[in-house]
PDB file of all heavy atoms in Angstrom:
ATOM      1  N   TYR A   1    -208.780  53.793  94.383  1.00  0.00           N
ATOM      2  CA  TYR A   1    -207.520  53.198  93.930  1.00  0.00           C
ATOM      3  C   TYR A   1    -206.642  52.873  95.128  1.00  0.00           C
ATOM      4  O   TYR A   1    -206.745  53.475  96.204  1.00  0.00           O
ATOM      5  CB  TYR A   1    -206.784  54.100  92.930  1.00  0.00           C
ATOM      6  CG  TYR A   1    -206.042  55.290  93.521  1.00  0.00           C
ATOM      7  CD1 TYR A   1    -204.820  55.151  94.180  1.00  0.00           C
ATOM      8  CD2 TYR A   1    -206.541  56.586  93.361  1.00  0.00           C
ATOM      9  CE1 TYR A   1    -204.136  56.237  94.683  1.00  0.00           C
ATOM     10  CE2 TYR A   1    -205.862  57.684  93.868  1.00  0.00           C
ATOM     11  CZ  TYR A   1    -204.660  57.502  94.523  1.00  0.00           C
ATOM     12  OH  TYR A   1    -203.985  58.593  95.025  1.00  0.00           O
ATOM     13  N   ILE A   2    -205.761  51.909  94.909  1.00  0.00           N
ATOM     14  CA  ILE A   2    -204.712  51.543  95.866  1.00  0.00           C
ATOM     15  C   ILE A   2    -203.388  51.636  95.121  1.00  0.00           C
ATOM     16  O   ILE A   2    -203.197  51.006  94.081  1.00  0.00           O
ATOM     17  CB  ILE A   2    -204.916  50.124  96.421  1.00  0.00           C
ATOM     18  CG1 ILE A   2    -206.261  50.019  97.143  1.00  0.00           C
ATOM     19  CG2 ILE A   2    -203.770  49.750  97.357  1.00  0.00           C
ATOM     20  CD1 ILE A   2    -206.595  48.599  97.580  1.00  0.00           C
ATOM     21  N   TRP A   3    -202.485  52.438  95.659  1.00  0.00           N
ATOM     22  CA  TRP A   3    -201.189  52.712  95.033  1.00  0.00           C
ATOM     23  C   TRP A   3    -200.108  52.071  95.898  1.00  0.00           C
ATOM     24  O   TRP A   3    -199.906  52.450  97.037  1.00  0.00           O
ATOM     25  CB  TRP A   3    -201.025  54.217  94.927  1.00  0.00           C
ATOM     26  CG  TRP A   3    -199.674  54.769  94.576  1.00  0.00           C
ATOM     27  CD1 TRP A   3    -198.448  54.191  94.706  1.00  0.00           C
ATOM     28  CD2 TRP A   3    -199.429  56.075  94.056  1.00  0.00           C
ATOM     29  NE1 TRP A   3    -197.460  55.037  94.300  1.00  0.00           N
ATOM     30  CE2 TRP A   3    -198.034  56.204  93.886  1.00  0.00           C
ATOM     31  CE3 TRP A   3    -200.263  57.154  93.716  1.00  0.00           C
ATOM     32  CZ2 TRP A   3    -197.444  57.373  93.388  1.00  0.00           C
ATOM     33  CZ3 TRP A   3    -199.668  58.303  93.225  1.00  0.00           C
ATOM     34  CH2 TRP A   3    -198.291  58.420  93.063  1.00  0.00           C
ATOM     35  N   GLU A   4    -199.414  51.084  95.352  1.00  0.00           N
ATOM     36  CA  GLU A   4    -198.307  50.427  96.040  1.00  0.00           C
ATOM     37  C   GLU A   4    -197.005  50.902  95.417  1.00  0.00           C
ATOM     38  O   GLU A   4    -196.746  50.658  94.241  1.00  0.00           O
ATOM     39  CB  GLU A   4    -198.433  48.905  95.926  1.00  0.00           C
ATOM     40  CG  GLU A   4    -199.678  48.359  96.598  1.00  0.00           C
ATOM     41  CD  GLU A   4    -199.849  46.872  96.369  1.00  0.00           C
ATOM     42  OE1 GLU A   4    -200.279  46.508  95.254  1.00  0.00           O
ATOM     43  OE2 GLU A   4    -199.540  46.090  97.277  1.00  0.00           O
ATOM     44  N   ASN A   5    -196.203  51.587  96.213  1.00  0.00           N
ATOM     45  CA  ASN A   5    -194.999  52.234  95.699  1.00  0.00           C
ATOM     46  C   ASN A   5    -193.734  51.470  96.088  1.00  0.00           C
ATOM     47  O   ASN A   5    -193.659  50.852  97.150  1.00  0.00           O
ATOM     48  CB  ASN A   5    -194.904  53.663  96.237  1.00  0.00           C
ATOM     49  CG  ASN A   5    -193.983  54.527  95.408  1.00  0.00           C
ATOM     50  OD1 ASN A   5    -194.423  55.093  94.399  1.00  0.00           O
ATOM     51  ND2 ASN A   5    -192.718  54.640  95.791  1.00  0.00           N
ATOM     52  N   CYS A   6    -192.733  51.557  95.219  1.00  0.00           N
ATOM     53  CA  CYS A   6    -191.431  50.950  95.501  1.00  0.00           C
ATOM     54  C   CYS A   6    -190.360  51.769  94.798  1.00  0.00           C
ATOM     55  O   CYS A   6    -190.467  52.034  93.594  1.00  0.00           O
ATOM     56  CB  CYS A   6    -191.396  49.500  95.007  1.00  0.00           C
ATOM     57  SG  CYS A   6    -189.797  48.687  95.235  1.00  0.00           S
ATOM     58  N   TYR A   7    -189.345  52.196  95.557  1.00  0.00           N
ATOM     59  CA  TYR A   7    -188.252  52.968  94.954  1.00  0.00           C
ATOM     60  C   TYR A   7    -186.960  52.176  95.044  1.00  0.00           C
ATOM     61  O   TYR A   7    -186.551  51.734  96.117  1.00  0.00           O
ATOM     62  CB  TYR A   7    -188.078  54.318  95.653  1.00  0.00           C
ATOM     63  CG  TYR A   7    -186.929  55.112  95.066  1.00  0.00           C
ATOM     64  CD1 TYR A   7    -186.937  55.464  93.713  1.00  0.00           C
ATOM     65  CD2 TYR A   7    -185.835  55.478  95.836  1.00  0.00           C
ATOM     66  CE1 TYR A   7    -185.886  56.174  93.158  1.00  0.00           C
ATOM     67  CE2 TYR A   7    -184.783  56.196  95.291  1.00  0.00           C
ATOM     68  CZ  TYR A   7    -184.809  56.539  93.946  1.00  0.00           C
ATOM     69  OH  TYR A   7    -183.770  57.235  93.386  1.00  0.00           O
ATOM     70  N   ASP A   8    -186.291  51.990  93.891  1.00  0.00           N
ATOM     71  CA  ASP A   8    -185.018  51.288  93.798  1.00  0.00           C
ATOM     72  C   ASP A   8    -183.910  52.327  93.764  1.00  0.00           C
ATOM     73  O   ASP A   8    -183.709  53.009  92.753  1.00  0.00           O
ATOM     74  CB  ASP A   8    -184.989  50.430  92.527  1.00  0.00           C
ATOM     75  CG  ASP A   8    -183.736  49.558  92.424  1.00  0.00           C
ATOM     76  OD1 ASP A   8    -182.670  49.994  92.883  1.00  0.00           O
ATOM     77  OD2 ASP A   8    -183.835  48.450  91.866  1.00  0.00           O
ATOM     78  N   GLU A   9    -183.181  52.469  94.881  1.00  0.00           N
ATOM     79  CA  GLU A   9    -182.143  53.493  94.969  1.00  0.00           C
ATOM     80  C   GLU A   9    -180.978  53.227  94.031  1.00  0.00           C
ATOM     81  O   GLU A   9    -180.315  54.160  93.580  1.00  0.00           O
ATOM     82  CB  GLU A   9    -181.630  53.602  96.406  1.00  0.00           C
ATOM     83  CG  GLU A   9    -182.631  54.214  97.370  1.00  0.00           C
ATOM     84  CD  GLU A   9    -181.991  54.619  98.684  1.00  0.00           C
ATOM     85  OE1 GLU A   9    -180.916  55.257  98.658  1.00  0.00           O
ATOM     86  OE2 GLU A   9    -182.553  54.280  99.745  1.00  0.00           O
ATOM     87  N   THR A  10    -180.722  51.967  93.724  1.00  0.00           N
ATOM     88  CA  THR A  10    -179.607  51.637  92.833  1.00  0.00           C
ATOM     89  C   THR A  10    -179.924  52.039  91.403  1.00  0.00           C
ATOM     90  O   THR A  10    -179.115  52.700  90.730  1.00  0.00           O
ATOM     91  CB  THR A  10    -179.299  50.131  92.891  1.00  0.00           C
ATOM     92  OG1 THR A  10    -178.977  49.771  94.238  1.00  0.00           O
ATOM     93  CG2 THR A  10    -178.130  49.788  91.977  1.00  0.00           C
ATOM     94  N   GLU A  11    -181.100  51.659  90.941  1.00  0.00           N
ATOM     95  CA  GLU A  11    -181.491  51.972  89.565  1.00  0.00           C
ATOM     96  C   GLU A  11    -182.118  53.355  89.441  1.00  0.00           C
ATOM     97  O   GLU A  11    -182.310  53.862  88.338  1.00  0.00           O
ATOM     98  CB  GLU A  11    -182.486  50.923  89.057  1.00  0.00           C
ATOM     99  CG  GLU A  11    -181.937  49.515  89.010  1.00  0.00           C
ATOM    100  CD  GLU A  11    -180.809  49.358  88.010  1.00  0.00           C
ATOM    101  OE1 GLU A  11    -180.820  50.083  86.987  1.00  0.00           O
ATOM    102  OE2 GLU A  11    -179.922  48.523  88.258  1.00  0.00           O
ATOM    103  N   LYS A  12    -182.460  53.957  90.595  1.00  0.00           N
ATOM    104  CA  LYS A  12    -183.135  55.266  90.643  1.00  0.00           C
ATOM    105  C   LYS A  12    -184.473  55.240  89.894  1.00  0.00           C
ATOM    106  O   LYS A  12    -184.862  56.212  89.230  1.00  0.00           O
ATOM    107  CB  LYS A  12    -182.219  56.374  90.108  1.00  0.00           C
ATOM    108  CG  LYS A  12    -180.953  56.559  90.949  1.00  0.00           C
ATOM    109  CD  LYS A  12    -180.199  57.784  90.554  1.00  0.00           C
ATOM    110  CE  LYS A  12    -178.901  57.930  91.366  1.00  0.00           C
ATOM    111  NZ  LYS A  12    -179.131  57.990  92.819  1.00  0.00           N
ATOM    112  N   ILE A  13    -185.164  54.123  90.020  1.00  0.00           N
ATOM    113  CA  ILE A  13    -186.459  53.959  89.383  1.00  0.00           C
ATOM    114  C   ILE A  13    -187.535  53.828  90.451  1.00  0.00           C
ATOM    115  O   ILE A  13    -187.419  53.007  91.368  1.00  0.00           O
ATOM    116  CB  ILE A  13    -186.501  52.717  88.469  1.00  0.00           C
ATOM    117  CG1 ILE A  13    -185.525  52.884  87.316  1.00  0.00           C
ATOM    118  CG2 ILE A  13    -187.924  52.491  87.943  1.00  0.00           C
ATOM    119  CD1 ILE A  13    -185.852  54.012  86.352  1.00  0.00           C
ATOM    120  N   ASN A  14    -188.559  54.655  90.334  1.00  0.00           N
ATOM    121  CA  ASN A  14    -189.714  54.575  91.221  1.00  0.00           C
ATOM    122  C   ASN A  14    -190.824  53.838  90.483  1.00  0.00           C
ATOM    123  O   ASN A  14    -191.293  54.268  89.428  1.00  0.00           O
ATOM    124  CB  ASN A  14    -190.202  55.972  91.611  1.00  0.00           C
ATOM    125  CG  ASN A  14    -191.237  55.928  92.711  1.00  0.00           C
ATOM    126  OD1 ASN A  14    -190.903  55.766  93.891  1.00  0.00           O
ATOM    127  ND2 ASN A  14    -192.505  56.062  92.346  1.00  0.00           N
ATOM    128  N   GLU A  15    -191.242  52.720  91.041  1.00  0.00           N
ATOM    129  CA  GLU A  15    -192.302  51.921  90.439  1.00  0.00           C
ATOM    130  C   GLU A  15    -193.550  52.004  91.299  1.00  0.00           C
ATOM    131  O   GLU A  15    -193.472  51.903  92.519  1.00  0.00           O
ATOM    132  CB  GLU A  15    -191.875  50.463  90.331  1.00  0.00           C
ATOM    133  CG  GLU A  15    -192.975  49.526  89.829  1.00  0.00           C
ATOM    134  CD  GLU A  15    -192.563  48.061  89.852  1.00  0.00           C
ATOM    135  OE1 GLU A  15    -191.368  47.778  90.094  1.00  0.00           O
ATOM    136  OE2 GLU A  15    -193.434  47.202  89.624  1.00  0.00           O
ATOM    137  N   TYR A  16    -194.676  52.204  90.664  1.00  0.00           N
ATOM    138  CA  TYR A  16    -195.913  52.112  91.423  1.00  0.00           C
ATOM    139  C   TYR A  16    -196.964  51.332  90.645  1.00  0.00           C
ATOM    140  O   TYR A  16    -197.171  51.547  89.458  1.00  0.00           O
ATOM    141  CB  TYR A  16    -196.438  53.462  91.893  1.00  0.00           C
ATOM    142  CG  TYR A  16    -196.678  54.532  90.867  1.00  0.00           C
ATOM    143  CD1 TYR A  16    -197.946  54.766  90.350  1.00  0.00           C
ATOM    144  CD2 TYR A  16    -195.640  55.366  90.454  1.00  0.00           C
ATOM    145  CE1 TYR A  16    -198.177  55.782  89.451  1.00  0.00           C
ATOM    146  CE2 TYR A  16    -195.860  56.383  89.552  1.00  0.00           C
ATOM    147  CZ  TYR A  16    -197.127  56.584  89.047  1.00  0.00           C
ATOM    148  OH  TYR A  16    -197.349  57.598  88.145  1.00  0.00           O
ATOM    149  N   ALA A  17    -197.540  50.401  91.370  1.00  0.00           N
ATOM    150  CA  ALA A  17    -198.645  49.610  90.835  1.00  0.00           C
ATOM    151  C   ALA A  17    -199.932  50.197  91.397  1.00  0.00           C
ATOM    152  O   ALA A  17    -200.080  50.339  92.612  1.00  0.00           O
ATOM    153  CB  ALA A  17    -198.497  48.150  91.248  1.00  0.00           C
ATOM    154  N   VAL A  18    -200.844  50.538  90.512  1.00  0.00           N
ATOM    155  CA  VAL A  18    -202.095  51.150  90.933  1.00  0.00           C
ATOM    156  C   VAL A  18    -203.251  50.252  90.524  1.00  0.00           C
ATOM    157  O   VAL A  18    -203.406  49.911  89.349  1.00  0.00           O
ATOM    158  CB  VAL A  18    -202.280  52.545  90.307  1.00  0.00           C
ATOM    159  CG1 VAL A  18    -203.500  53.231  90.922  1.00  0.00           C
ATOM    160  CG2 VAL A  18    -201.048  53.395  90.508  1.00  0.00           C
ATOM    161  N   ASN A  19    -204.033  49.838  91.507  1.00  0.00           N
ATOM    162  CA  ASN A  19    -205.261  49.090  91.257  1.00  0.00           C
ATOM    163  C   ASN A  19    -206.433  50.050  91.338  1.00  0.00           C
ATOM    164  O   ASN A  19    -206.636  50.727  92.345  1.00  0.00           O
ATOM    165  CB  ASN A  19    -205.436  47.977  92.293  1.00  0.00           C
ATOM    166  CG  ASN A  19    -204.610  46.756  91.956  1.00  0.00           C
ATOM    167  OD1 ASN A  19    -205.053  45.890  91.212  1.00  0.00           O
ATOM    168  ND2 ASN A  19    -203.400  46.684  92.498  1.00  0.00           N
ATOM    169  N   PHE A  20    -207.193  50.114  90.252  1.00  0.00           N
ATOM    170  CA  PHE A  20    -208.362  50.972  90.185  1.00  0.00           C
ATOM    171  C   PHE A  20    -209.622  50.138  90.293  1.00  0.00           C
ATOM    172  O   PHE A  20    -209.715  49.054  89.721  1.00  0.00           O
ATOM    173  CB  PHE A  20    -208.394  51.733  88.852  1.00  0.00           C
ATOM    174  CG  PHE A  20    -207.199  52.597  88.621  1.00  0.00           C
ATOM    175  CD1 PHE A  20    -206.192  52.181  87.766  1.00  0.00           C
ATOM    176  CD2 PHE A  20    -207.062  53.816  89.250  1.00  0.00           C
ATOM    177  CE1 PHE A  20    -205.078  52.960  87.541  1.00  0.00           C
ATOM    178  CE2 PHE A  20    -205.957  54.611  89.037  1.00  0.00           C
ATOM    179  CZ  PHE A  20    -204.956  54.179  88.181  1.00  0.00           C
ATOM    180  N   PHE A  21    -210.577  50.660  91.014  1.00  0.00           N
ATOM    181  CA  PHE A  21    -211.892  50.035  91.145  1.00  0.00           C
ATOM    182  C   PHE A  21    -212.910  51.073  90.676  1.00  0.00           C
ATOM    183  O   PHE A  21    -213.131  52.079  91.355  1.00  0.00           O
ATOM    184  CB  PHE A  21    -212.156  49.609  92.585  1.00  0.00           C
ATOM    185  CG  PHE A  21    -211.105  48.654  93.118  1.00  0.00           C
ATOM    186  CD1 PHE A  21    -209.933  49.140  93.699  1.00  0.00           C
ATOM    187  CD2 PHE A  21    -211.286  47.293  93.027  1.00  0.00           C
ATOM    188  CE1 PHE A  21    -208.969  48.278  94.177  1.00  0.00           C
ATOM    189  CE2 PHE A  21    -210.322  46.409  93.505  1.00  0.00           C
ATOM    190  CZ  PHE A  21    -209.165  46.903  94.086  1.00  0.00           C
ATOM    191  N   ILE A  22    -213.518  50.833  89.526  1.00  0.00           N
ATOM    192  CA  ILE A  22    -214.422  51.789  88.911  1.00  0.00           C
ATOM    193  C   ILE A  22    -215.805  51.169  88.811  1.00  0.00           C
ATOM    194  O   ILE A  22    -215.971  50.061  88.282  1.00  0.00           O
ATOM    195  CB  ILE A  22    -213.908  52.209  87.527  1.00  0.00           C
ATOM    196  CG1 ILE A  22    -212.488  52.804  87.652  1.00  0.00           C
ATOM    197  CG2 ILE A  22    -214.851  53.222  86.877  1.00  0.00           C
ATOM    198  CD1 ILE A  22    -211.814  53.082  86.334  1.00  0.00           C
ATOM    199  N   GLN A  23    -216.794  51.864  89.338  1.00  0.00           N
ATOM    200  CA  GLN A  23    -218.149  51.315  89.416  1.00  0.00           C
ATOM    201  C   GLN A  23    -218.812  51.272  88.037  1.00  0.00           C
ATOM    202  O   GLN A  23    -218.751  52.237  87.268  1.00  0.00           O
ATOM    203  CB  GLN A  23    -219.006  52.142  90.365  1.00  0.00           C
ATOM    204  CG  GLN A  23    -220.353  51.514  90.706  1.00  0.00           C
ATOM    205  CD  GLN A  23    -221.108  52.316  91.741  1.00  0.00           C
ATOM    206  OE1 GLN A  23    -221.122  53.536  91.699  1.00  0.00           O
ATOM    207  NE2 GLN A  23    -221.720  51.622  92.695  1.00  0.00           N
ATOM    208  N   ASN A  24    -219.426  50.128  87.744  1.00  0.00           N
ATOM    209  CA  ASN A  24    -220.212  49.972  86.529  1.00  0.00           C
ATOM    210  C   ASN A  24    -221.633  50.471  86.748  1.00  0.00           C
ATOM    211  O   ASN A  24    -222.043  50.752  87.883  1.00  0.00           O
ATOM    212  CB  ASN A  24    -220.242  48.495  86.107  1.00  0.00           C
ATOM    213  CG  ASN A  24    -218.851  47.953  85.834  1.00  0.00           C
ATOM    214  OD1 ASN A  24    -218.052  48.608  85.163  1.00  0.00           O
ATOM    215  ND2 ASN A  24    -218.559  46.761  86.340  1.00  0.00           N
ATOM    216  N   GLN A  25    -222.392  50.571  85.682  1.00  0.00           N
ATOM    217  CA  GLN A  25    -223.764  51.068  85.782  1.00  0.00           C
ATOM    218  C   GLN A  25    -224.652  50.165  86.631  1.00  0.00           C
ATOM    219  O   GLN A  25    -225.611  50.627  87.249  1.00  0.00           O
ATOM    220  CB  GLN A  25    -224.366  51.221  84.379  1.00  0.00           C
ATOM    221  CG  GLN A  25    -223.748  52.357  83.587  1.00  0.00           C
ATOM    222  CD  GLN A  25    -224.434  52.559  82.253  1.00  0.00           C
ATOM    223  OE1 GLN A  25    -225.259  51.748  81.839  1.00  0.00           O
ATOM    224  NE2 GLN A  25    -224.102  53.651  81.576  1.00  0.00           N
ATOM    225  N   ASP A  26    -224.322  48.869  86.687  1.00  0.00           N
ATOM    226  CA  ASP A  26    -225.150  47.946  87.469  1.00  0.00           C
ATOM    227  C   ASP A  26    -224.745  47.886  88.935  1.00  0.00           C
ATOM    228  O   ASP A  26    -225.277  47.091  89.717  1.00  0.00           O
ATOM    229  CB  ASP A  26    -225.120  46.546  86.849  1.00  0.00           C
ATOM    230  CG  ASP A  26    -223.718  45.923  86.874  1.00  0.00           C
ATOM    231  OD1 ASP A  26    -222.782  46.559  87.413  1.00  0.00           O
ATOM    232  OD2 ASP A  26    -223.561  44.806  86.349  1.00  0.00           O
ATOM    233  N   GLY A  27    -223.784  48.724  89.334  1.00  0.00           N
ATOM    234  CA  GLY A  27    -223.353  48.763  90.724  1.00  0.00           C
ATOM    235  C   GLY A  27    -222.152  47.909  91.029  1.00  0.00           C
ATOM    236  O   GLY A  27    -221.539  48.051  92.101  1.00  0.00           O
ATOM    237  N   SER A  28    -221.789  47.007  90.146  1.00  0.00           N
ATOM    238  CA  SER A  28    -220.581  46.217  90.329  1.00  0.00           C
ATOM    239  C   SER A  28    -219.349  47.077  90.037  1.00  0.00           C
ATOM    240  O   SER A  28    -219.472  48.195  89.513  1.00  0.00           O
ATOM    241  CB  SER A  28    -220.605  44.993  89.407  1.00  0.00           C
ATOM    242  OG  SER A  28    -220.586  45.395  88.055  1.00  0.00           O
ATOM    243  N   TYR A  29    -218.182  46.544  90.373  1.00  0.00           N
ATOM    244  CA  TYR A  29    -216.951  47.308  90.174  1.00  0.00           C
ATOM    245  C   TYR A  29    -216.021  46.583  89.208  1.00  0.00           C
ATOM    246  O   TYR A  29    -215.875  45.357  89.272  1.00  0.00           O
ATOM    247  CB  TYR A  29    -216.233  47.533  91.514  1.00  0.00           C
ATOM    248  CG  TYR A  29    -216.824  48.662  92.320  1.00  0.00           C
ATOM    249  CD1 TYR A  29    -217.951  48.448  93.114  1.00  0.00           C
ATOM    250  CD2 TYR A  29    -216.278  49.939  92.269  1.00  0.00           C
ATOM    251  CE1 TYR A  29    -218.505  49.489  93.848  1.00  0.00           C
ATOM    252  CE2 TYR A  29    -216.828  50.978  93.005  1.00  0.00           C
ATOM    253  CZ  TYR A  29    -217.931  50.748  93.798  1.00  0.00           C
ATOM    254  OH  TYR A  29    -218.483  51.778  94.512  1.00  0.00           O
ATOM    255  N   HIS A  30    -215.424  47.371  88.338  1.00  0.00           N
ATOM    256  CA  HIS A  30    -214.418  46.859  87.419  1.00  0.00           C
ATOM    257  C   HIS A  30    -213.043  47.174  88.000  1.00  0.00           C
ATOM    258  O   HIS A  30    -212.756  48.319  88.345  1.00  0.00           O
ATOM    259  CB  HIS A  30    -214.571  47.524  86.054  1.00  0.00           C
ATOM    260  CG  HIS A  30    -213.430  47.288  85.122  1.00  0.00           C
ATOM    261  ND1 HIS A  30    -213.122  46.050  84.612  1.00  0.00           N
ATOM    262  CD2 HIS A  30    -212.496  48.144  84.615  1.00  0.00           C
ATOM    263  CE1 HIS A  30    -212.068  46.142  83.820  1.00  0.00           C
ATOM    264  NE2 HIS A  30    -211.665  47.400  83.810  1.00  0.00           N
TER     265      HIS A  30
END
């Protein structure tokens, strides 16, 4: 996974977008 974080001090909201790469049975990644 790759986690991209961003914290908004004004709104006090922490946002993180996480991209997951999960291997399929055939060796490819979803």
